Amino acid sequence: MRNTEGTLVLDTVKRVGFWQFSLASGDYVGIVEQEPGEDEVLTVLARTTAGWKERRRVALGHAARASVIRLDGEQLHVCLEVNRGKALALGGWRAPDLVDPGVKEVRLSPGASLGLSADQAAGVVLPVGRLWNVADVLAPESWLFSPSFVLGAAPLQIIANTADGRAVTLPADGRPAGSGEGSIPDAQEPQAFVSQGKRSVVFKRLPQPAYPFWTLPRYGGRPLPEPGALLVEEGGGETTNLSATLGVGPVVAFSVGMGAQGVPWIFAARVALVGFEVVAIARVGTRWVVKGTRALDGEPLALDVARAHAGWSIVYAIQWKEGASVRSSLWEPGDAR
């Protein structure tokens, strides 16, 4: 793929999350950021021929560590990683209202709170040296990290990490999942998709057993995301180490997208011979295949991908002063090498 500098979307001091969505009116990015002394704010920007232009800013009324959004029809759902009083909080907006300048006021419609059942929390095992003190009703064993909507799942589902690094799946209506449902040990920052009726989970596995509170930068862990092996568990069965089998090596961050005819793709950021790059991986039949790479213009913190026109839109964050610079890059199929 061609090596091009990314287009600036937004510079932000405190990035909480960013995700893309598309409507008939165009392509958009929603960036959740924390303003000094205030709760989180959603900034919605539209892609134009002159770059990204702000359309609206909406207060969320929540303090959150991370966020993820998912478009379902005209409803834009958001899941916030709170871990204060509750693990996760759901909400949403009517998406066309967010981008319509004629709609004067748009407020977040609150949804369910998500969390582990008592039995699930009792199964979370934290070594003594990995406990932490919190002045809150929510014990460390009940915290959830890195939530993500399961692509293609109906009704909506969330996959997230428990405090001991397992990946668990929860219905997005507030009902706790069964104690063993979707549980994968040592599966960091999981993302999942449903294809041909089977659910697959993509995740990172660090060189040593990891506990999200101690490894994620937003909780005071490493200042940057820690590289790890990229793995995929397909249909609840065999797990494939894509870093090893495809020669991808350790990845810093990744994003899963569904391509044409429901083909799953994984875009993973890694250290290159010079700088950093994104490697694109697609499932062709029963095999995962590397489709190409694209250079990044900085050290990646996170990324998100979405279908755009005949190709893909890659939105990513790199370090910028005290925060992050969110940028975008279009990849058309003709860019593949």
Protein backbone atom coordinates (compact mmCIF):
# COMPACT_ATOMS: atom_id res chain seq x y z
CA MET A 1 0.00 0.00 0.00
CA ARG A 2 1.11 3.56 -0.57
CA ASN A 3 2.84 5.36 2.29
CA THR A 4 0.94 8.59 2.88
CA GLU A 5 0.62 10.97 5.79
CA GLY A 6 -2.70 10.73 7.57
CA THR A 7 -5.37 13.44 7.40
CA LEU A 8 -5.91 15.24 10.70
CA VAL A 9 -9.27 14.50 12.32
CA LEU A 10 -8.79 16.06 15.79
CA ASP A 11 -6.04 16.78 18.31
CA THR A 12 -7.23 15.96 21.82
CA VAL A 13 -5.59 16.10 25.24
CA LYS A 14 -7.59 13.21 26.75
CA ARG A 15 -8.83 10.64 24.24
CA VAL A 16 -11.36 8.16 25.62
CA GLY A 17 -12.35 6.48 22.36
CA PHE A 18 -13.15 7.04 18.67
CA TRP A 19 -15.27 5.09 16.22
CA GLN A 20 -16.56 5.51 12.68
CA PHE A 21 -20.09 5.25 11.35
CA SER A 22 -21.76 5.94 8.00
CA LEU A 23 -25.20 7.30 7.11
CA ALA A 24 -26.84 8.19 3.81
CA SER A 25 -25.59 11.74 4.41
CA GLY A 26 -21.91 10.71 4.63
CA ASP A 27 -19.09 9.22 6.70
CA TYR A 28 -18.52 10.30 10.29
CA VAL A 29 -16.20 9.84 13.25
CA GLY A 30 -17.37 10.10 16.84
CA ILE A 31 -14.57 10.93 19.29
CA VAL A 32 -15.19 10.69 23.02
CA GLU A 33 -12.78 12.92 24.93
CA GLN A 34 -12.47 14.14 28.49
CA GLU A 35 -12.37 17.87 29.04
CA PRO A 36 -10.57 19.27 32.13
CA GLY A 37 -12.94 19.34 35.11
CA GLU A 38 -15.85 18.00 33.05
CA ASP A 39 -17.46 14.72 32.10
CA GLU A 40 -16.82 13.15 28.72
CA VAL A 41 -17.91 14.86 25.51
CA LEU A 42 -18.72 13.25 22.15
CA THR A 43 -17.41 15.24 19.18
CA VAL A 44 -18.93 14.21 15.84
CA LEU A 45 -16.97 15.08 12.68
CA ALA A 46 -17.93 14.57 9.03
CA ARG A 47 -15.63 13.65 6.16
CA THR A 48 -15.66 16.39 3.50
CA THR A 49 -13.57 17.15 0.43
CA ALA A 50 -11.72 19.71 2.57
CA GLY A 51 -11.04 17.29 5.43
CA TRP A 52 -12.92 16.48 8.63
CA LYS A 53 -15.39 19.11 9.87
CA GLU A 54 -17.01 19.24 13.30
CA ARG A 55 -20.78 18.73 13.28
CA ARG A 56 -21.71 18.56 16.96
CA ARG A 57 -20.48 18.23 20.55
CA VAL A 58 -22.63 16.35 23.07
CA ALA A 59 -22.02 15.92 26.80
CA LEU A 60 -22.27 12.31 27.95
CA GLY A 61 -22.92 12.96 31.64
CA HIS A 62 -20.56 10.11 32.56
CA ALA A 63 -16.94 9.81 33.59
CA ALA A 64 -15.46 6.98 31.54
CA ARG A 65 -12.09 5.36 30.85
CA ALA A 66 -12.89 3.99 27.39
CA SER A 67 -15.80 3.89 24.96
CA VAL A 68 -17.11 2.13 21.87
CA ILE A 69 -20.01 2.97 19.54
CA ARG A 70 -22.06 0.84 17.15
CA LEU A 71 -24.61 1.91 14.53
CA ASP A 72 -27.74 -0.24 14.39
CA GLY A 73 -30.18 1.13 11.83
CA GLU A 74 -30.59 4.79 12.82
CA GLN A 75 -29.64 4.18 16.45
CA LEU A 76 -26.07 4.91 17.50
CA HIS A 77 -25.28 2.86 20.62
CA VAL A 78 -22.43 3.71 22.98
CA CYS A 79 -20.85 1.54 25.67
CA LEU A 80 -18.73 3.31 28.29
CA GLU A 81 -16.09 1.70 30.49
CA VAL A 82 -16.93 3.31 33.85
CA ASN A 83 -15.73 1.02 36.69
CA ARG A 84 -17.21 3.28 39.30
CA GLY A 85 -20.46 2.10 40.84
CA LYS A 86 -20.96 -0.02 37.72
CA ALA A 87 -18.63 -1.66 35.26
CA LEU A 88 -20.13 -0.59 31.93
CA ALA A 89 -22.88 1.87 30.96
CA LEU A 90 -24.94 1.83 27.76
CA GLY A 91 -26.66 4.72 26.03
CA GLY A 92 -27.42 6.03 22.58
CA TRP A 93 -28.67 8.66 20.18
CA ARG A 94 -30.68 8.78 16.98
CA ALA A 95 -27.73 9.03 14.59
CA PRO A 96 -29.30 11.37 11.97
CA ASP A 97 -30.02 13.90 14.74
CA LEU A 98 -26.35 14.00 15.71
CA VAL A 99 -25.29 15.16 12.25
CA ASP A 100 -28.30 17.36 11.37
CA PRO A 101 -27.56 21.05 12.10
CA GLY A 102 -31.31 21.66 12.12
CA VAL A 103 -31.69 19.62 15.29
CA LYS A 104 -30.80 22.12 18.01
CA GLU A 105 -30.31 19.80 21.00
CA VAL A 106 -29.36 16.14 21.22
CA ARG A 107 -29.02 14.30 24.51
CA LEU A 108 -27.73 10.87 25.36
CA SER A 109 -30.57 8.42 26.02
CA PRO A 110 -29.42 6.29 28.98
CA GLY A 111 -29.51 2.53 28.67
CA ALA A 112 -28.71 -0.48 30.80
CA SER A 113 -25.75 -0.95 33.09
CA LEU A 114 -23.67 -4.02 32.31
CA GLY A 115 -21.68 -6.11 34.75
CA LEU A 116 -20.71 -9.57 35.89
CA SER A 117 -23.09 -11.71 37.87
CA ALA A 118 -22.11 -12.61 41.44
CA ASP A 119 -21.06 -16.08 40.24
CA GLN A 120 -18.96 -14.61 37.42
CA ALA A 121 -17.24 -12.15 39.75
CA ALA A 122 -16.51 -14.95 42.20
CA GLY A 123 -14.67 -16.76 39.41
CA VAL A 124 -12.28 -13.83 38.81
CA VAL A 125 -8.95 -14.75 40.38
CA LEU A 126 -6.49 -11.92 41.17
CA PRO A 127 -3.15 -12.67 42.84
CA VAL A 128 -2.54 -10.67 46.00
CA GLY A 129 0.06 -8.56 44.21
CA ARG A 130 -2.48 -7.67 41.50
CA LEU A 131 -5.24 -6.31 43.74
CA TRP A 132 -5.85 -2.57 44.06
CA ASN A 133 -7.68 -0.38 46.56
CA VAL A 134 -10.85 1.41 45.50
CA ALA A 135 -13.25 3.53 47.54
CA ASP A 136 -16.27 2.20 45.68
CA VAL A 137 -19.02 -0.40 45.96
CA LEU A 138 -17.64 -2.10 42.85
CA ALA A 139 -14.91 -4.53 43.90
CA PRO A 140 -11.90 -5.02 41.58
CA GLU A 141 -13.13 -8.53 40.71
CA SER A 142 -16.25 -6.97 39.12
CA TRP A 143 -14.47 -4.45 36.90
CA LEU A 144 -14.64 -4.82 33.10
CA PHE A 145 -12.17 -3.47 30.55
CA SER A 146 -11.92 -2.76 26.80
CA PRO A 147 -15.59 -3.29 25.84
CA SER A 148 -16.42 -3.86 22.18
CA PHE A 149 -19.67 -4.60 20.34
CA VAL A 150 -19.73 -8.02 18.67
CA LEU A 151 -19.97 -7.36 14.91
CA GLY A 152 -22.93 -9.09 13.26
CA ALA A 153 -24.50 -10.22 16.55
CA ALA A 154 -28.28 -9.89 16.92
CA PRO A 155 -29.41 -8.89 19.46
CA LEU A 156 -26.48 -6.65 20.42
CA GLN A 157 -23.70 -8.16 22.52
CA ILE A 158 -20.62 -6.77 24.26
CA ILE A 159 -17.30 -8.57 24.66
CA ALA A 160 -14.88 -7.29 27.32
CA ASN A 161 -12.02 -8.28 29.61
CA THR A 162 -12.41 -9.28 33.23
CA ALA A 163 -9.85 -8.11 35.78
CA ASP A 164 -7.90 -11.36 35.40
CA GLY A 165 -7.63 -10.96 31.62
CA ARG A 166 -10.38 -13.30 30.41
CA ALA A 167 -12.65 -12.34 27.50
CA VAL A 168 -16.35 -12.60 28.38
CA THR A 169 -19.49 -11.83 26.40
CA LEU A 170 -22.54 -10.07 27.83
CA PRO A 171 -25.95 -9.29 26.31
CA ALA A 172 -26.34 -5.56 25.74
CA ASP A 173 -29.71 -5.43 27.52
CA GLY A 174 -28.25 -5.63 31.02
CA ARG A 175 -28.72 -9.35 31.62
CA PRO A 176 -25.51 -11.04 32.87
CA ALA A 177 -24.19 -13.76 30.59
CA GLY A 178 -23.78 -17.29 31.81
CA SER A 179 -20.65 -17.90 33.88
CA GLY A 180 -18.87 -19.76 31.07
CA GLU A 181 -20.29 -18.06 27.99
CA GLY A 182 -17.64 -16.65 25.68
CA SER A 183 -14.89 -17.01 28.27
CA ILE A 184 -11.33 -17.15 26.87
CA PRO A 185 -8.37 -16.98 29.26
CA ASP A 186 -5.52 -14.49 28.75
CA ALA A 187 -7.25 -12.69 25.85
CA GLN A 188 -6.43 -8.99 25.97
CA GLU A 189 -8.59 -6.28 24.35
CA PRO A 190 -10.92 -8.76 22.61
CA GLN A 191 -13.01 -7.98 19.54
CA ALA A 192 -15.50 -10.45 18.05
CA PHE A 193 -17.59 -10.99 14.93
CA VAL A 194 -20.27 -13.39 13.73
CA SER A 195 -19.77 -14.78 10.22
CA GLN A 196 -21.80 -17.59 8.63
CA GLY A 197 -23.48 -18.23 11.95
CA LYS A 198 -20.21 -18.74 13.86
CA ARG A 199 -18.66 -16.37 16.36
CA SER A 200 -14.91 -15.66 16.27
CA VAL A 201 -12.84 -13.68 18.77
CA VAL A 202 -9.67 -11.72 17.91
CA PHE A 203 -7.37 -10.70 20.76
CA LYS A 204 -3.84 -9.90 21.88
CA ARG A 205 -1.79 -12.19 24.10
CA LEU A 206 1.14 -10.58 25.89
CA PRO A 207 4.42 -12.39 26.60
CA GLN A 208 3.36 -12.90 30.23
CA PRO A 209 -0.10 -13.29 31.85
CA ALA A 210 -1.62 -9.81 31.89
CA TYR A 211 -4.09 -8.02 34.15
CA PRO A 212 -5.78 -5.06 32.40
CA PHE A 213 -5.69 -2.68 35.37
CA TRP A 214 -1.90 -2.98 35.48
CA THR A 215 -1.18 -3.00 31.73
CA LEU A 216 -3.60 -0.51 30.14
CA PRO A 217 -2.15 3.02 29.88
CA ARG A 218 -5.45 4.61 31.00
CA TYR A 219 -5.12 2.98 34.43
CA GLY A 220 -1.55 4.06 34.97
CA GLY A 221 0.11 1.01 33.45
CA ARG A 222 2.63 1.31 30.63
CA PRO A 223 2.63 4.77 28.99
CA LEU A 224 2.04 3.10 25.61
CA PRO A 225 0.12 -0.03 24.58
CA GLU A 226 2.19 -3.18 25.09
CA PRO A 227 2.83 -5.27 21.96
CA GLY A 228 1.57 -8.83 21.92
CA ALA A 229 0.76 -11.75 19.66
CA LEU A 230 -2.40 -11.47 17.51
CA LEU A 231 -4.64 -14.51 17.94
CA VAL A 232 -8.07 -15.55 16.67
CA GLU A 233 -10.37 -18.20 18.11
CA GLU A 234 -12.90 -19.29 15.50
CA GLY A 235 -16.24 -20.88 16.28
CA GLY A 236 -15.33 -21.53 19.90
CA GLY A 237 -12.73 -24.06 18.83
CA GLU A 238 -9.22 -23.82 17.42
CA THR A 239 -7.07 -20.79 18.24
CA THR A 240 -4.64 -19.54 15.56
CA ASN A 241 -1.62 -17.37 16.31
CA LEU A 242 -1.67 -15.01 13.31
CA SER A 243 1.51 -13.28 14.47
CA ALA A 244 3.38 -16.56 14.07
CA THR A 245 1.62 -18.26 11.16
CA LEU A 246 1.52 -15.15 8.93
CA GLY A 247 4.82 -13.65 10.09
CA VAL A 248 3.02 -10.54 11.34
CA GLY A 249 4.96 -10.42 14.60
CA PRO A 250 3.86 -8.54 17.74
CA VAL A 251 1.06 -5.98 17.30
CA VAL A 252 0.33 -2.84 19.30
CA ALA A 253 -3.35 -2.39 18.43
CA PHE A 254 -5.89 -3.84 16.02
CA SER A 255 -9.40 -3.38 14.66
CA VAL A 256 -11.81 -5.87 13.09
CA GLY A 257 -14.08 -4.96 10.16
CA MET A 258 -16.52 -6.79 7.92
CA GLY A 259 -15.80 -6.44 4.21
CA ALA A 260 -17.79 -7.23 1.09
CA GLN A 261 -19.97 -10.36 1.28
CA GLY A 262 -19.33 -10.49 5.03
CA VAL A 263 -15.61 -11.29 4.72
CA PRO A 264 -13.84 -10.52 8.04
CA TRP A 265 -10.73 -8.32 7.99
CA ILE A 266 -8.22 -7.48 10.72
CA PHE A 267 -6.09 -4.35 10.61
CA ALA A 268 -3.18 -4.50 13.06
CA ALA A 269 -0.59 -1.85 13.94
CA ARG A 270 2.99 -3.00 14.44
CA VAL A 271 6.58 -1.79 14.51
CA ALA A 272 8.03 -1.68 10.97
CA LEU A 273 11.63 -1.70 9.77
CA VAL A 274 11.29 2.07 9.80
CA GLY A 275 8.60 3.56 12.04
CA PHE A 276 5.20 1.91 12.34
CA GLU A 277 2.68 0.42 9.93
CA VAL A 278 -0.73 -1.23 9.65
CA VAL A 279 -0.96 -4.72 8.18
CA ALA A 280 -4.26 -5.78 6.60
CA ILE A 281 -5.37 -9.40 7.02
CA ALA A 282 -8.46 -10.99 5.43
CA ARG A 283 -10.01 -14.42 5.73
CA VAL A 284 -10.04 -15.98 2.27
CA GLY A 285 -12.09 -19.17 2.41
CA THR A 286 -10.79 -20.98 5.47
CA ARG A 287 -7.39 -19.21 5.53
CA TRP A 288 -6.19 -15.89 6.86
CA VAL A 289 -4.10 -13.98 4.29
CA VAL A 290 -2.00 -10.80 4.52
CA LYS A 291 -3.34 -8.35 1.92
CA GLY A 292 -0.87 -5.48 2.32
CA THR A 293 0.59 -2.82 4.59
CA ARG A 294 0.42 0.94 5.06
CA ALA A 295 2.89 3.15 6.90
CA LEU A 296 1.75 5.26 9.84
CA ASP A 297 3.11 8.73 10.56
CA GLY A 298 3.63 8.13 14.28
CA GLU A 299 3.55 5.60 17.10
CA PRO A 300 -0.01 4.19 17.22
CA LEU A 301 -2.13 4.20 20.36
CA ALA A 302 -5.34 2.77 18.87
CA LEU A 303 -7.13 2.37 15.54
CA ASP A 304 -10.56 1.77 14.02
CA VAL A 305 -11.53 0.62 10.53
CA ALA A 306 -14.71 0.90 8.49
CA ARG A 307 -15.80 0.29 4.93
CA ALA A 308 -15.58 3.46 2.86
CA HIS A 309 -16.59 3.62 -0.79
CA ALA A 310 -14.66 0.83 -2.56
CA GLY A 311 -12.09 0.42 0.20
CA TRP A 312 -11.41 1.05 3.85
CA SER A 313 -11.15 4.06 6.12
CA ILE A 314 -8.49 3.69 8.81
CA VAL A 315 -8.75 6.11 11.74
CA TYR A 316 -5.90 5.97 14.23
CA ALA A 317 -4.43 7.86 17.17
CA ILE A 318 -0.76 8.71 17.63
CA GLN A 319 1.00 10.52 20.44
CA TRP A 320 0.60 14.30 20.33
CA LYS A 321 1.98 16.63 23.02
CA GLU A 322 0.14 15.66 26.24
CA GLY A 323 -2.53 13.67 24.42
CA ALA A 324 -3.31 12.13 21.05
CA SER A 325 -3.69 13.23 17.47
CA VAL A 326 -6.52 11.36 15.72
CA ARG A 327 -5.88 10.94 11.99
CA SER A 328 -7.38 9.07 9.05
CA SER A 329 -6.22 7.35 5.89
CA LEU A 330 -8.18 5.83 3.01
CA TRP A 331 -7.10 2.52 1.55
CA GLU A 332 -8.49 1.64 -1.86
CA PRO A 333 -8.13 -1.92 -3.18
CA GLY A 334 -5.75 -0.70 -5.91
CA ASP A 335 -3.26 0.24 -3.18
CA ALA A 336 -2.60 -3.41 -2.32
CA ARG A 337 0.75 -4.85 -3.31
